[in-house]
Amino acid sequence: EELEGYGVKHEDAFARNITYDPREGRFCIIDFEFATLTETGEGLTTED
């Protein structure tokens, strides 16, 4: 949901695409092959 605040919907929104970066002290999100820009709808989904 935080990611969506930046205008991107991750279409594979599972824990396998979350990392922890100790340098930043926070969780991060990876793997954007299947993601869409919420403003335009551009992108790829696994439902393609």
All heavy atoms as atom14 arrays in JSON, in Angstrom:
{
  "sequence": "EELEGYGVKHEDAFARNITYDPREGRFCIIDFEFATLTETGEGLTTED",
  "atom14_mask": [
    [1, 1, 1, 1, 1, 1, 1, 1, 1, 0, 0, 0, 0, 0],
    [1, 1, 1, 1, 1, 1, 1, 1, 1, 0, 0, 0, 0, 0],
    [1, 1, 1, 1, 1, 1, 1, 1, 0, 0, 0, 0, 0, 0],
    [1, 1, 1, 1, 1, 1, 1, 1, 1, 0, 0, 0, 0, 0],
    [1, 1, 1, 1, 0, 0, 0, 0, 0, 0, 0, 0, 0, 0],
    [1, 1, 1, 1, 1, 1, 1, 1, 1, 1, 1, 1, 0, 0],
    [1, 1, 1, 1, 0, 0, 0, 0, 0, 0, 0, 0, 0, 0],
    [1, 1, 1, 1, 1, 1, 1, 0, 0, 0, 0, 0, 0, 0],
    [1, 1, 1, 1, 1, 1, 1, 1, 1, 0, 0, 0, 0, 0],
    [1, 1, 1, 1, 1, 1, 1, 1, 1, 1, 0, 0, 0, 0],
    [1, 1, 1, 1, 1, 1, 1, 1, 1, 0, 0, 0, 0, 0],
    [1, 1, 1, 1, 1, 1, 1, 1, 0, 0, 0, 0, 0, 0],
    [1, 1, 1, 1, 1, 0, 0, 0, 0, 0, 0, 0, 0, 0],
    [1, 1, 1, 1, 1, 1, 1, 1, 1, 1, 1, 0, 0, 0],
    [1, 1, 1, 1, 1, 0, 0, 0, 0, 0, 0, 0, 0, 0],
    [1, 1, 1, 1, 1, 1, 1, 1, 1, 1, 1, 0, 0, 0],
    [1, 1, 1, 1, 1, 1, 1, 1, 0, 0, 0, 0, 0, 0],
    [1, 1, 1, 1, 1, 1, 1, 1, 0, 0, 0, 0, 0, 0],
    [1, 1, 1, 1, 1, 1, 1, 0, 0, 0, 0, 0, 0, 0],
    [1, 1, 1, 1, 1, 1, 1, 1, 1, 1, 1, 1, 0, 0],
    [1, 1, 1, 1, 1, 1, 1, 1, 0, 0, 0, 0, 0, 0],
    [1, 1, 1, 1, 1, 1, 1, 0, 0, 0, 0, 0, 0, 0],
    [1, 1, 1, 1, 1, 1, 1, 1, 1, 1, 1, 0, 0, 0],
    [1, 1, 1, 1, 1, 1, 1, 1, 1, 0, 0, 0, 0, 0],
    [1, 1, 1, 1, 0, 0, 0, 0, 0, 0, 0, 0, 0, 0],
    [1, 1, 1, 1, 1, 1, 1, 1, 1, 1, 1, 0, 0, 0],
    [1, 1, 1, 1, 1, 1, 1, 1, 1, 1, 1, 0, 0, 0],
    [1, 1, 1, 1, 1, 1, 0, 0, 0, 0, 0, 0, 0, 0],
    [1, 1, 1, 1, 1, 1, 1, 1, 0, 0, 0, 0, 0, 0],
    [1, 1, 1, 1, 1, 1, 1, 1, 0, 0, 0, 0, 0, 0],
    [1, 1, 1, 1, 1, 1, 1, 1, 0, 0, 0, 0, 0, 0],
    [1, 1, 1, 1, 1, 1, 1, 1, 1, 1, 1, 0, 0, 0],
    [1, 1, 1, 1, 1, 1, 1, 1, 1, 0, 0, 0, 0, 0],
    [1, 1, 1, 1, 1, 1, 1, 1, 1, 1, 1, 0, 0, 0],
    [1, 1, 1, 1, 1, 0, 0, 0, 0, 0, 0, 0, 0, 0],
    [1, 1, 1, 1, 1, 1, 1, 0, 0, 0, 0, 0, 0, 0],
    [1, 1, 1, 1, 1, 1, 1, 1, 0, 0, 0, 0, 0, 0],
    [1, 1, 1, 1, 1, 1, 1, 0, 0, 0, 0, 0, 0, 0],
    [1, 1, 1, 1, 1, 1, 1, 1, 1, 0, 0, 0, 0, 0],
    [1, 1, 1, 1, 1, 1, 1, 0, 0, 0, 0, 0, 0, 0],
    [1, 1, 1, 1, 0, 0, 0, 0, 0, 0, 0, 0, 0, 0],
    [1, 1, 1, 1, 1, 1, 1, 1, 1, 0, 0, 0, 0, 0],
    [1, 1, 1, 1, 0, 0, 0, 0, 0, 0, 0, 0, 0, 0],
    [1, 1, 1, 1, 1, 1, 1, 1, 0, 0, 0, 0, 0, 0],
    [1, 1, 1, 1, 1, 1, 1, 0, 0, 0, 0, 0, 0, 0],
    [1, 1, 1, 1, 1, 1, 1, 0, 0, 0, 0, 0, 0, 0],
    [1, 1, 1, 1, 1, 1, 1, 1, 1, 0, 0, 0, 0, 0],
    [1, 1, 1, 1, 1, 1, 1, 1, 0, 0, 0, 0, 0, 0]
  ],
  "atom14_positions": [
    [[0.84, -1.21, 0.0], [0.0, 0.0, 0.0], [0.87, 1.26, 0.0], [0.55, 2.25, -0.66], [-0.94, 0.0, 1.21], [-2.09, -0.97, 1.06], [-2.95, -1.08, 2.32], [-2.58, -0.52, 3.39], [-3.99, -1.77, 2.24], [0.0, 0.0, 0.0], [0.0, 0.0, 0.0], [0.0, 0.0, 0.0], [0.0, 0.0, 0.0], [0.0, 0.0, 0.0]],
    [[1.98, 1.23, 0.73], [2.92, 2.36, 0.72], [3.44, 2.58, -0.69], [3.55, 3.72, -1.15], [4.06, 2.1, 1.71], [5.05, 3.24, 1.81], [6.19, 2.98, 2.79], [6.27, 1.88, 3.39], [7.03, 3.89, 2.94], [0.0, 0.0, 0.0], [0.0, 0.0, 0.0], [0.0, 0.0, 0.0], [0.0, 0.0, 0.0], [0.0, 0.0, 0.0]],
    [[3.76, 1.5, -1.38], [4.23, 1.59, -2.76], [3.18, 2.25, -3.65], [3.5, 3.09, -4.49], [4.58, 0.2, -3.3], [5.03, 0.13, -4.75], [6.4, 0.79, -4.9], [5.07, -1.31, -5.22], [0.0, 0.0, 0.0], [0.0, 0.0, 0.0], [0.0, 0.0, 0.0], [0.0, 0.0, 0.0], [0.0, 0.0, 0.0], [0.0, 0.0, 0.0]],
    [[1.92, 1.9, -3.45], [0.85, 2.48, -4.25], [0.76, 4.0, -4.05], [0.34, 4.72, -4.95], [-0.48, 1.8, -3.96], [-0.53, 0.41, -4.59], [-1.91, -0.24, -4.52], [-2.92, 0.48, -4.66], [-1.95, -1.46, -4.33], [0.0, 0.0, 0.0], [0.0, 0.0, 0.0], [0.0, 0.0, 0.0], [0.0, 0.0, 0.0], [0.0, 0.0, 0.0]],
    [[1.19, 4.47, -2.88], [1.24, 5.91, -2.65], [2.23, 6.62, -3.57], [2.14, 7.83, -3.77], [0.0, 0.0, 0.0], [0.0, 0.0, 0.0], [0.0, 0.0, 0.0], [0.0, 0.0, 0.0], [0.0, 0.0, 0.0], [0.0, 0.0, 0.0], [0.0, 0.0, 0.0], [0.0, 0.0, 0.0], [0.0, 0.0, 0.0], [0.0, 0.0, 0.0]],
    [[3.14, 5.86, -4.15], [4.09, 6.41, -5.12], [3.61, 6.21, -6.56], [4.34, 6.49, -7.5], [5.47, 5.76, -4.94], [6.21, 6.27, -3.73], [6.07, 5.62, -2.5], [7.02, 7.39, -3.8], [6.75, 6.09, -1.38], [7.69, 7.86, -2.69], [7.54, 7.2, -1.48], [8.2, 7.67, -0.38], [0.0, 0.0, 0.0], [0.0, 0.0, 0.0]],
    [[2.4, 5.67, -6.73], [1.83, 5.54, -8.06], [2.09, 4.23, -8.77], [1.93, 4.15, -9.99], [0.0, 0.0, 0.0], [0.0, 0.0, 0.0], [0.0, 0.0, 0.0], [0.0, 0.0, 0.0], [0.0, 0.0, 0.0], [0.0, 0.0, 0.0], [0.0, 0.0, 0.0], [0.0, 0.0, 0.0], [0.0, 0.0, 0.0], [0.0, 0.0, 0.0]],
    [[2.44, 3.18, -8.03], [2.72, 1.88, -8.64], [1.97, 0.79, -7.89], [2.03, 0.71, -6.66], [4.23, 1.57, -8.65], [4.49, 0.13, -9.09], [4.96, 2.54, -9.57], [0.0, 0.0, 0.0], [0.0, 0.0, 0.0], [0.0, 0.0, 0.0], [0.0, 0.0, 0.0], [0.0, 0.0, 0.0], [0.0, 0.0, 0.0], [0.0, 0.0, 0.0]],
    [[1.28, -0.06, -8.66], [0.64, -1.24, -8.09], [1.49, -2.45, -8.47], [1.68, -2.72, -9.65], [-0.78, -1.4, -8.63], [-1.51, -2.6, -8.03], [-2.95, -2.63, -8.51], [-3.82, -3.64, -7.86], [-3.39, -4.95, -7.64], [0.0, 0.0, 0.0], [0.0, 0.0, 0.0], [0.0, 0.0, 0.0], [0.0, 0.0, 0.0], [0.0, 0.0, 0.0]],
    [[2.01, -3.12, -7.49], [2.81, -4.33, -7.71], [1.84, -5.46, -7.97], [0.96, -5.73, -7.15], [3.66, -4.61, -6.47], [4.84, -5.5, -6.73], [4.7, -6.81, -7.1], [6.17, -5.24, -6.66], [5.91, -7.35, -7.23], [6.81, -6.41, -6.99], [0.0, 0.0, 0.0], [0.0, 0.0, 0.0], [0.0, 0.0, 0.0], [0.0, 0.0, 0.0]],
    [[1.95, -6.11, -9.1], [1.0, -7.15, -9.48], [1.41, -8.54, -8.99], [0.74, -9.52, -9.3], [0.83, -7.15, -11.01], [0.31, -5.84, -11.57], [-1.14, -5.54, -11.21], [-1.85, -6.44, -10.71], [-1.57, -4.39, -11.43], [0.0, 0.0, 0.0], [0.0, 0.0, 0.0], [0.0, 0.0, 0.0], [0.0, 0.0, 0.0], [0.0, 0.0, 0.0]],
    [[2.48, -8.6, -8.22], [2.94, -9.85, -7.61], [3.26, -9.53, -6.15], [4.38, -9.7, -5.67], [4.17, -10.38, -8.36], [4.53, -11.81, -7.99], [3.68, -12.53, -7.43], [5.68, -12.2, -8.27], [0.0, 0.0, 0.0], [0.0, 0.0, 0.0], [0.0, 0.0, 0.0], [0.0, 0.0, 0.0], [0.0, 0.0, 0.0], [0.0, 0.0, 0.0]],
    [[2.24, -9.03, -5.45], [2.4, -8.46, -4.1], [2.43, -9.55, -3.02], [1.48, -9.71, -2.25], [1.29, -7.46, -3.83], [0.0, 0.0, 0.0], [0.0, 0.0, 0.0], [0.0, 0.0, 0.0], [0.0, 0.0, 0.0], [0.0, 0.0, 0.0], [0.0, 0.0, 0.0], [0.0, 0.0, 0.0], [0.0, 0.0, 0.0], [0.0, 0.0, 0.0]],
    [[3.55, -10.27, -2.99], [3.72, -11.33, -2.01], [5.02, -11.14, -1.26], [5.93, -10.44, -1.73], [3.71, -12.7, -2.71], [2.39, -13.02, -3.35], [2.21, -12.81, -4.7], [1.33, -13.5, -2.59], [0.98, -13.09, -5.3], [0.1, -13.78, -3.17], [-0.07, -13.58, -4.53], [0.0, 0.0, 0.0], [0.0, 0.0, 0.0], [0.0, 0.0, 0.0]],
    [[5.12, -11.78, -0.12], [6.3, -11.65, 0.74], [7.59, -12.02, 0.02], [8.65, -11.49, 0.34], [6.13, -12.5, 2.0], [0.0, 0.0, 0.0], [0.0, 0.0, 0.0], [0.0, 0.0, 0.0], [0.0, 0.0, 0.0], [0.0, 0.0, 0.0], [0.0, 0.0, 0.0], [0.0, 0.0, 0.0], [0.0, 0.0, 0.0], [0.0, 0.0, 0.0]],
    [[7.52, -12.89, -0.98], [8.74, -13.28, -1.71], [9.41, -12.1, -2.41], [10.56, -12.17, -2.82], [8.44, -14.39, -2.71], [7.55, -13.96, -3.86], [7.33, -15.08, -4.87], [6.25, -14.77, -5.77], [5.01, -15.22, -5.68], [4.69, -16.03, -4.7], [4.11, -14.87, -6.57], [0.0, 0.0, 0.0], [0.0, 0.0, 0.0], [0.0, 0.0, 0.0]],
    [[8.67, -11.0, -2.56], [9.21, -9.81, -3.2], [9.52, -8.7, -2.21], [9.58, -7.52, -2.57], [8.25, -9.32, -4.29], [8.22, -10.29, -5.45], [9.25, -10.8, -5.86], [7.05, -10.57, -5.96], [0.0, 0.0, 0.0], [0.0, 0.0, 0.0], [0.0, 0.0, 0.0], [0.0, 0.0, 0.0], [0.0, 0.0, 0.0], [0.0, 0.0, 0.0]],
    [[9.74, -9.09, -0.96], [10.13, -8.14, 0.08], [11.5, -8.52, 0.62], [11.77, -9.68, 0.87], [9.08, -8.12, 1.22], [7.73, -7.64, 0.69], [9.56, -7.24, 2.37], [6.61, -7.71, 1.7], [0.0, 0.0, 0.0], [0.0, 0.0, 0.0], [0.0, 0.0, 0.0], [0.0, 0.0, 0.0], [0.0, 0.0, 0.0], [0.0, 0.0, 0.0]],
    [[12.34, -7.51, 0.76], [13.67, -7.71, 1.34], [13.8, -6.82, 2.56], [12.97, -5.94, 2.79], [14.78, -7.34, 0.33], [14.67, -5.95, 0.01], [14.7, -8.18, -0.93], [0.0, 0.0, 0.0], [0.0, 0.0, 0.0], [0.0, 0.0, 0.0], [0.0, 0.0, 0.0], [0.0, 0.0, 0.0], [0.0, 0.0, 0.0], [0.0, 0.0, 0.0]],
    [[14.86, -7.06, 3.3], [15.18, -6.15, 4.41], [16.58, -5.63, 4.16], [17.52, -6.39, 3.96], [15.11, -6.84, 5.77], [15.35, -5.85, 6.89], [14.33, -4.99, 7.27], [16.59, -5.72, 7.48], [14.54, -4.03, 8.26], [16.82, -4.77, 8.47], [15.79, -3.93, 8.85], [16.0, -2.97, 9.82], [0.0, 0.0, 0.0], [0.0, 0.0, 0.0]],
    [[16.71, -4.31, 4.16], [18.0, -3.66, 3.93], [18.51, -3.11, 5.26], [18.0, -2.1, 5.75], [17.84, -2.53, 2.91], [19.16, -1.92, 2.5], [20.19, -2.16, 3.17], [19.18, -1.2, 1.49], [0.0, 0.0, 0.0], [0.0, 0.0, 0.0], [0.0, 0.0, 0.0], [0.0, 0.0, 0.0], [0.0, 0.0, 0.0], [0.0, 0.0, 0.0]],
    [[19.5, -3.75, 5.86], [20.0, -3.29, 7.16], [20.66, -1.91, 7.1], [20.65, -1.17, 8.08], [21.0, -4.37, 7.58], [21.39, -5.05, 6.31], [20.22, -4.93, 5.38], [0.0, 0.0, 0.0], [0.0, 0.0, 0.0], [0.0, 0.0, 0.0], [0.0, 0.0, 0.0], [0.0, 0.0, 0.0], [0.0, 0.0, 0.0], [0.0, 0.0, 0.0]],
    [[21.2, -1.53, 5.93], [21.81, -0.2, 5.8], [20.75, 0.89, 5.93], [21.02, 1.94, 6.49], [22.53, -0.07, 4.46], [23.72, -1.0, 4.3], [24.19, -0.96, 2.88], [23.01, -1.19, 2.03], [23.02, -1.8, 0.86], [24.12, -2.2, 0.36], [21.9, -1.97, 0.18], [0.0, 0.0, 0.0], [0.0, 0.0, 0.0], [0.0, 0.0, 0.0]],
    [[19.58, 0.62, 5.35], [18.48, 1.59, 5.4], [17.6, 1.38, 6.64], [16.8, 2.24, 6.98], [17.62, 1.5, 4.14], [18.36, 1.87, 2.87], [18.78, 3.33, 2.85], [18.02, 4.19, 3.32], [19.89, 3.61, 2.35], [0.0, 0.0, 0.0], [0.0, 0.0, 0.0], [0.0, 0.0, 0.0], [0.0, 0.0, 0.0], [0.0, 0.0, 0.0]],
    [[17.71, 0.2, 7.23], [16.89, -0.11, 8.4], [15.42, -0.21, 8.07], [14.57, 0.17, 8.88], [0.0, 0.0, 0.0], [0.0, 0.0, 0.0], [0.0, 0.0, 0.0], [0.0, 0.0, 0.0], [0.0, 0.0, 0.0], [0.0, 0.0, 0.0], [0.0, 0.0, 0.0], [0.0, 0.0, 0.0], [0.0, 0.0, 0.0], [0.0, 0.0, 0.0]],
    [[15.12, -0.79, 6.89], [13.71, -0.89, 6.5], [13.5, -2.01, 5.49], [14.44, -2.5, 4.87], [13.2, 0.43, 5.96], [13.71, 0.82, 4.6], [12.76, 1.77, 3.87], [11.51, 1.1, 3.58], [10.32, 1.69, 3.57], [10.2, 2.96, 3.81], [9.23, 1.0, 3.29], [0.0, 0.0, 0.0], [0.0, 0.0, 0.0], [0.0, 0.0, 0.0]],
    [[12.23, -2.37, 5.36], [11.84, -3.33, 4.34], [11.82, -2.64, 2.99], [11.53, -1.44, 2.9], [10.45, -3.91, 4.64], [10.42, -4.8, 5.84], [9.87, -4.36, 7.02], [10.94, -6.09, 5.78], [9.83, -5.17, 8.14], [10.91, -6.91, 6.89], [10.35, -6.46, 8.07], [0.0, 0.0, 0.0], [0.0, 0.0, 0.0], [0.0, 0.0, 0.0]],
    [[12.12, -3.41, 1.94], [12.12, -2.9, 0.57], [11.3, -3.85, -0.31], [11.03, -4.98, 0.08], [13.54, -2.81, 0.03], [14.6, -1.7, 0.97], [0.0, 0.0, 0.0], [0.0, 0.0, 0.0], [0.0, 0.0, 0.0], [0.0, 0.0, 0.0], [0.0, 0.0, 0.0], [0.0, 0.0, 0.0], [0.0, 0.0, 0.0], [0.0, 0.0, 0.0]],
    [[10.94, -3.37, -1.48], [10.17, -4.18, -2.43], [10.99, -4.34, -3.7], [11.62, -3.39, -4.18], [8.81, -3.51, -2.74], [7.99, -3.41, -1.44], [8.06, -4.32, -3.8], [6.68, -2.68, -1.6], [0.0, 0.0, 0.0], [0.0, 0.0, 0.0], [0.0, 0.0, 0.0], [0.0, 0.0, 0.0], [0.0, 0.0, 0.0], [0.0, 0.0, 0.0]],
    [[10.99, -5.56, -4.25], [11.76, -5.87, -5.45], [10.85, -6.52, -6.5], [9.69, -6.8, -6.23], [12.93, -6.82, -5.13], [12.43, -8.15, -4.56], [13.91, -6.15, -4.19], [13.48, -9.24, -4.48], [0.0, 0.0, 0.0], [0.0, 0.0, 0.0], [0.0, 0.0, 0.0], [0.0, 0.0, 0.0], [0.0, 0.0, 0.0], [0.0, 0.0, 0.0]],
    [[11.4, -6.76, -7.66], [10.8, -7.56, -8.73], [9.56, -6.9, -9.32], [8.43, -7.26, -8.99], [10.49, -8.97, -8.23], [10.42, -9.98, -9.36], [10.55, -9.58, -10.53], [10.23, -11.17, -9.06], [0.0, 0.0, 0.0], [0.0, 0.0, 0.0], [0.0, 0.0, 0.0], [0.0, 0.0, 0.0], [0.0, 0.0, 0.0], [0.0, 0.0, 0.0]],
    [[9.78, -5.99, -10.25], [8.7, -5.2, -10.83], [8.36, -5.59, -12.27], [7.85, -4.78, -13.03], [9.05, -3.71, -10.75], [9.0, -3.19, -9.34], [10.11, -3.29, -8.51], [7.84, -2.64, -8.85], [10.05, -2.84, -7.2], [7.76, -2.19, -7.54], [8.88, -2.28, -6.71], [0.0, 0.0, 0.0], [0.0, 0.0, 0.0], [0.0, 0.0, 0.0]],
    [[8.63, -6.85, -12.64], [8.24, -7.31, -13.97], [6.74, -7.17, -14.17], [6.27, -6.83, -15.25], [8.6, -8.79, -14.14], [10.06, -9.1, -14.13], [10.31, -10.58, -14.24], [9.63, -11.26, -15.04], [11.21, -11.08, -13.53], [0.0, 0.0, 0.0], [0.0, 0.0, 0.0], [0.0, 0.0, 0.0], [0.0, 0.0, 0.0], [0.0, 0.0, 0.0]],
    [[6.0, -7.47, -13.12], [4.54, -7.38, -13.14], [4.13, -6.26, -12.21], [4.03, -6.44, -11.0], [3.91, -8.71, -12.72], [4.27, -9.84, -13.65], [5.18, -10.79, -13.26], [3.69, -9.92, -14.91], [5.53, -11.82, -14.12], [4.03, -10.95, -15.77], [4.96, -11.9, -15.37], [0.0, 0.0, 0.0], [0.0, 0.0, 0.0], [0.0, 0.0, 0.0]],
    [[3.95, -5.09, -12.78], [3.56, -3.9, -12.03], [2.9, -2.94, -13.0], [3.18, -2.97, -14.21], [4.78, -3.26, -11.37], [0.0, 0.0, 0.0], [0.0, 0.0, 0.0], [0.0, 0.0, 0.0], [0.0, 0.0, 0.0], [0.0, 0.0, 0.0], [0.0, 0.0, 0.0], [0.0, 0.0, 0.0], [0.0, 0.0, 0.0], [0.0, 0.0, 0.0]],
    [[2.03, -2.09, -12.46], [1.36, -1.1, -13.3], [1.47, 0.28, -12.67], [1.54, 0.41, -11.45], [-0.13, -1.43, -13.51], [-0.75, -1.59, -12.25], [-0.31, -2.69, -14.34], [0.0, 0.0, 0.0], [0.0, 0.0, 0.0], [0.0, 0.0, 0.0], [0.0, 0.0, 0.0], [0.0, 0.0, 0.0], [0.0, 0.0, 0.0], [0.0, 0.0, 0.0]],
    [[1.49, 1.29, -13.54], [1.45, 2.67, -13.08], [-0.02, 3.0, -12.85], [-0.84, 2.89, -13.77], [2.07, 3.6, -14.13], [3.51, 3.28, -14.54], [3.99, 4.28, -15.6], [4.42, 3.28, -13.34], [0.0, 0.0, 0.0], [0.0, 0.0, 0.0], [0.0, 0.0, 0.0], [0.0, 0.0, 0.0], [0.0, 0.0, 0.0], [0.0, 0.0, 0.0]],
    [[-0.36, 3.38, -11.63], [-1.77, 3.55, -11.3], [-2.42, 4.71, -12.06], [-3.6, 4.64, -12.39], [-1.97, 3.74, -9.78], [-1.16, 4.82, -9.33], [-1.61, 2.48, -9.04], [0.0, 0.0, 0.0], [0.0, 0.0, 0.0], [0.0, 0.0, 0.0], [0.0, 0.0, 0.0], [0.0, 0.0, 0.0], [0.0, 0.0, 0.0], [0.0, 0.0, 0.0]],
    [[-1.66, 5.73, -12.38], [-2.23, 6.89, -13.07], [-2.67, 6.56, -14.49], [-3.71, 7.01, -14.96], [-1.21, 8.02, -13.1], [-1.76, 9.33, -13.63], [-0.74, 10.45, -13.51], [-0.21, 10.66, -12.4], [-0.5, 11.11, -14.53], [0.0, 0.0, 0.0], [0.0, 0.0, 0.0], [0.0, 0.0, 0.0], [0.0, 0.0, 0.0], [0.0, 0.0, 0.0]],
    [[-1.88, 5.74, -15.2], [-2.16, 5.46, -16.61], [-2.63, 4.03, -16.87], [-3.16, 3.74, -17.94], [-0.9, 5.68, -17.46], [0.1, 4.74, -17.05], [-0.38, 7.1, -17.32], [0.0, 0.0, 0.0], [0.0, 0.0, 0.0], [0.0, 0.0, 0.0], [0.0, 0.0, 0.0], [0.0, 0.0, 0.0], [0.0, 0.0, 0.0], [0.0, 0.0, 0.0]],
    [[-2.38, 3.14, -15.91], [-2.71, 1.73, -16.11], [-1.69, 0.99, -16.94], [-1.85, -0.2, -17.23], [0.0, 0.0, 0.0], [0.0, 0.0, 0.0], [0.0, 0.0, 0.0], [0.0, 0.0, 0.0], [0.0, 0.0, 0.0], [0.0, 0.0, 0.0], [0.0, 0.0, 0.0], [0.0, 0.0, 0.0], [0.0, 0.0, 0.0], [0.0, 0.0, 0.0]],
    [[-0.61, 1.69, -17.34], [0.44, 1.04, -18.14], [1.16, 0.01, -17.29], [1.39, 0.22, -16.1], [1.47, 2.07, -18.6], [0.97, 3.08, -19.57], [2.05, 4.1, -19.87], [2.89, 3.83, -20.74], [2.04, 5.14, -19.19], [0.0, 0.0, 0.0], [0.0, 0.0, 0.0], [0.0, 0.0, 0.0], [0.0, 0.0, 0.0], [0.0, 0.0, 0.0]],
    [[1.55, -1.09, -17.93], [2.32, -2.11, -17.23], [1.88, -3.5, -17.62], [1.15, -3.7, -18.58], [0.0, 0.0, 0.0], [0.0, 0.0, 0.0], [0.0, 0.0, 0.0], [0.0, 0.0, 0.0], [0.0, 0.0, 0.0], [0.0, 0.0, 0.0], [0.0, 0.0, 0.0], [0.0, 0.0, 0.0], [0.0, 0.0, 0.0], [0.0, 0.0, 0.0]],
    [[2.34, -4.46, -16.85], [2.02, -5.87, -17.08], [1.42, -6.47, -15.83], [1.85, -6.15, -14.72], [3.3, -6.66, -17.41], [3.89, -6.54, -18.79], [5.16, -7.38, -18.88], [2.92, -6.99, -19.86], [0.0, 0.0, 0.0], [0.0, 0.0, 0.0], [0.0, 0.0, 0.0], [0.0, 0.0, 0.0], [0.0, 0.0, 0.0], [0.0, 0.0, 0.0]],
    [[0.47, -7.35, -16.04], [-0.08, -8.12, -14.93], [0.06, -9.6, -15.25], [0.2, -9.98, -16.42], [-1.57, -7.81, -14.68], [-2.34, -8.38, -15.72], [-1.82, -6.31, -14.6], [0.0, 0.0, 0.0], [0.0, 0.0, 0.0], [0.0, 0.0, 0.0], [0.0, 0.0, 0.0], [0.0, 0.0, 0.0], [0.0, 0.0, 0.0], [0.0, 0.0, 0.0]],
    [[0.0, -10.41, -14.24], [0.06, -11.86, -14.47], [-1.22, -12.35, -15.13], [-1.26, -13.48, -15.63], [0.28, -12.61, -13.14], [-0.75, -12.24, -12.23], [1.64, -12.3, -12.55], [0.0, 0.0, 0.0], [0.0, 0.0, 0.0], [0.0, 0.0, 0.0], [0.0, 0.0, 0.0], [0.0, 0.0, 0.0], [0.0, 0.0, 0.0], [0.0, 0.0, 0.0]],
    [[-2.24, -11.51, -15.18], [-3.5, -11.86, -15.84], [-3.48, -11.52, -17.34], [-4.47, -11.77, -18.03], [-4.67, -11.15, -15.17], [-4.85, -11.55, -13.71], [-5.02, -13.05, -13.53], [-5.83, -13.65, -14.25], [-4.34, -13.61, -12.65], [0.0, 0.0, 0.0], [0.0, 0.0, 0.0], [0.0, 0.0, 0.0], [0.0, 0.0, 0.0], [0.0, 0.0, 0.0]],
    [[-2.4, -10.95, -17.82], [-2.28, -10.62, -19.24], [-2.53, -11.89, -20.07], [-1.93, -12.92, -19.83], [-0.86, -10.08, -19.51], [-0.7, -9.52, -20.91], [-1.02, -10.25, -21.88], [-0.24, -8.37, -21.03], [0.0, 0.0, 0.0], [0.0, 0.0, 0.0], [0.0, 0.0, 0.0], [0.0, 0.0, 0.0], [0.0, 0.0, 0.0], [0.0, 0.0, 0.0]]
  ]
}
